[in-house]
C-alpha atoms as a PDB file:
ATOM      1  CA  UNK A   1    -273.393 -16.269 -69.986  1.00  0.00           C
ATOM      2  CA  UNK A   2    -273.896 -13.931 -67.027  1.00  0.00           C
ATOM      3  CA  UNK A   3    -270.800 -11.959 -67.987  1.00  0.00           C
ATOM      4  CA  UNK A   4    -272.148 -11.463 -71.513  1.00  0.00           C
ATOM      5  CA  UNK A   5    -275.496 -10.273 -70.140  1.00  0.00           C
ATOM      6  CA  UNK A   6    -273.807  -7.892 -67.686  1.00  0.00           C
ATOM      7  CA  UNK A   7    -271.566  -6.533 -70.438  1.00  0.00           C
ATOM      8  CA  UNK A   8    -274.598  -5.936 -72.659  1.00  0.00           C
ATOM      9  CA  UNK A   9    -276.412  -4.095 -69.863  1.00  0.00           C
ATOM     10  CA  UNK A  10    -273.333  -1.974 -69.122  1.00  0.00           C
ATOM     11  CA  UNK A  11    -272.895  -1.132 -72.782  1.00  0.00           C
ATOM     12  CA  UNK A  12    -276.540  -0.118 -73.090  1.00  0.00           C
ATOM     13  CA  UNK A  13    -276.267   2.032 -69.975  1.00  0.00           C
ATOM     14  CA  UNK A  14    -273.254   3.966 -71.233  1.00  0.00           C
ATOM     15  CA  UNK A  15    -274.250   4.308 -74.890  1.00  0.00           C
ATOM     16  CA  UNK A  16    -276.222   7.559 -74.423  1.00  0.00           C
ATOM     17  CA  UNK A  17    -273.081   9.211 -73.044  1.00  0.00           C
ATOM     18  CA  UNK A  18    -271.750   9.479 -76.593  1.00  0.00           C
ATOM     19  CA  UNK A  19    -274.596  11.856 -77.372  1.00  0.00           C
ATOM     20  CA  UNK A  20    -274.541  13.778 -74.108  1.00  0.00           C
ATOM     21  CA  UNK A  21    -275.336  17.060 -75.825  1.00  0.00           C
ATOM     22  CA  UNK A  22    -278.858  15.793 -76.431  1.00  0.00           C
ATOM     23  CA  UNK A  23    -279.296  18.016 -79.465  1.00  0.00           C
ATOM     24  CA  UNK A  24    -277.957  15.833 -82.267  1.00  0.00           C
ATOM     25  CA  UNK A  25    -274.438  17.259 -82.257  1.00  0.00           C
ATOM     26  CA  UNK A  26    -271.488  15.190 -81.143  1.00  0.00           C
ATOM     27  CA  UNK A  27    -269.331  16.620 -78.388  1.00  0.00           C
ATOM     28  CA  UNK A  28    -266.527  17.308 -80.888  1.00  0.00           C
ATOM     29  CA  UNK A  29    -268.915  19.215 -83.181  1.00  0.00           C
ATOM     30  CA  UNK A  30    -270.192  21.265 -80.248  1.00  0.00           C
ATOM     31  CA  UNK A  31    -266.590  21.999 -79.250  1.00  0.00           C
ATOM     32  CA  UNK A  32    -265.689  23.164 -82.765  1.00  0.00           C
ATOM     33  CA  UNK A  33    -268.752  25.409 -82.852  1.00  0.00           C
ATOM     34  CA  UNK A  34    -267.922  26.935 -79.473  1.00  0.00           C
ATOM     35  CA  UNK A  35    -264.335  27.586 -80.602  1.00  0.00           C
ATOM     36  CA  UNK A  36    -265.648  29.539 -83.582  1.00  0.00           C
ATOM     37  CA  UNK A  37    -268.601  31.167 -81.767  1.00  0.00           C
ATOM     38  CA  UNK A  38    -268.028  31.105 -77.985  1.00  0.00           C
ATOM     39  CA  UNK A  39    -271.481  32.512 -77.192  1.00  0.00           C
ATOM     40  CA  UNK A  40    -273.353  29.941 -79.318  1.00  0.00           C
ATOM     41  CA  UNK A  41    -276.519  28.613 -77.682  1.00  0.00           C
ATOM     42  CA  UNK A  42    -276.711  24.983 -78.766  1.00  0.00           C
ATOM     43  CA  UNK A  43    -279.856  24.097 -76.860  1.00  0.00           C
ATOM     44  CA  UNK A  44    -283.170  23.332 -78.552  1.00  0.00           C
ATOM     45  CA  UNK A  45    -281.754  22.891 -82.053  1.00  0.00           C
ATOM     46  CA  UNK A  46    -283.948  21.580 -84.833  1.00  0.00           C
ATOM     47  CA  UNK A  47    -282.774  18.665 -86.971  1.00  0.00           C
ATOM     48  CA  UNK A  48    -282.300  21.087 -89.833  1.00  0.00           C
ATOM     49  CA  UNK A  49    -280.078  23.363 -87.734  1.00  0.00           C
ATOM     50  CA  UNK A  50    -277.965  20.407 -86.610  1.00  0.00           C
ATOM     51  CA  UNK A  51    -277.331  19.415 -90.228  1.00  0.00           C
ATOM     52  CA  UNK A  52    -276.537  22.992 -91.257  1.00  0.00           C
ATOM     53  CA  UNK A  53    -274.165  23.466 -88.309  1.00  0.00           C
ATOM     54  CA  UNK A  54    -272.338  20.226 -89.086  1.00  0.00           C
ATOM     55  CA  UNK A  55    -271.980  21.357 -92.688  1.00  0.00           C
ATOM     56  CA  UNK A  56    -270.735  24.792 -91.627  1.00  0.00           C
ATOM     57  CA  UNK A  57    -267.914  23.446 -89.438  1.00  0.00           C
ATOM     58  CA  UNK A  58    -266.812  20.866 -91.988  1.00  0.00           C
ATOM     59  CA  UNK A  59    -266.979  22.993 -95.125  1.00  0.00           C
ATOM     60  CA  UNK A  60    -266.406  26.499 -93.856  1.00  0.00           C
ATOM     61  CA  UNK A  61    -263.100  28.168 -93.071  1.00  0.00           C
ATOM     62  CA  UNK A  62    -262.381  30.341 -90.043  1.00  0.00           C
ATOM     63  CA  UNK A  63    -264.400  33.552 -90.080  1.00  0.00           C
ATOM     64  CA  UNK A  64    -266.665  32.275 -92.852  1.00  0.00           C
ATOM     65  CA  UNK A  65    -267.659  29.271 -90.700  1.00  0.00           C
ATOM     66  CA  UNK A  66    -268.253  31.558 -87.725  1.00  0.00           C
ATOM     67  CA  UNK A  67    -270.501  33.798 -89.803  1.00  0.00           C
ATOM     68  CA  UNK A  68    -272.427  30.792 -91.092  1.00  0.00           C
ATOM     69  CA  UNK A  69    -272.910  29.433 -87.561  1.00  0.00           C
ATOM     70  CA  UNK A  70    -274.191  32.779 -86.293  1.00  0.00           C
ATOM     71  CA  UNK A  71    -276.675  33.018 -89.149  1.00  0.00           C
ATOM     72  CA  UNK A  72    -277.948  29.466 -88.515  1.00  0.00           C
ATOM     73  CA  UNK A  73    -278.473  30.099 -84.804  1.00  0.00           C
ATOM     74  CA  UNK A  74    -280.223  33.452 -85.254  1.00  0.00           C
END
């Protein structure tokens, strides 16, 4: 039973690491955004911006996605 409790505590301790960005974006989404717009400031994003950015990287293509990201962040 102790092993189960220790595993649960360890899992709870490391769970926030999956959302290390702290702004609602996953690390892979943040990476994709930075590939398209290297100077993108992804700090202090609103929930609305997070949703729009996720949509832009998944439904945009190349330069169009980059333009959409820039317009969302400005």
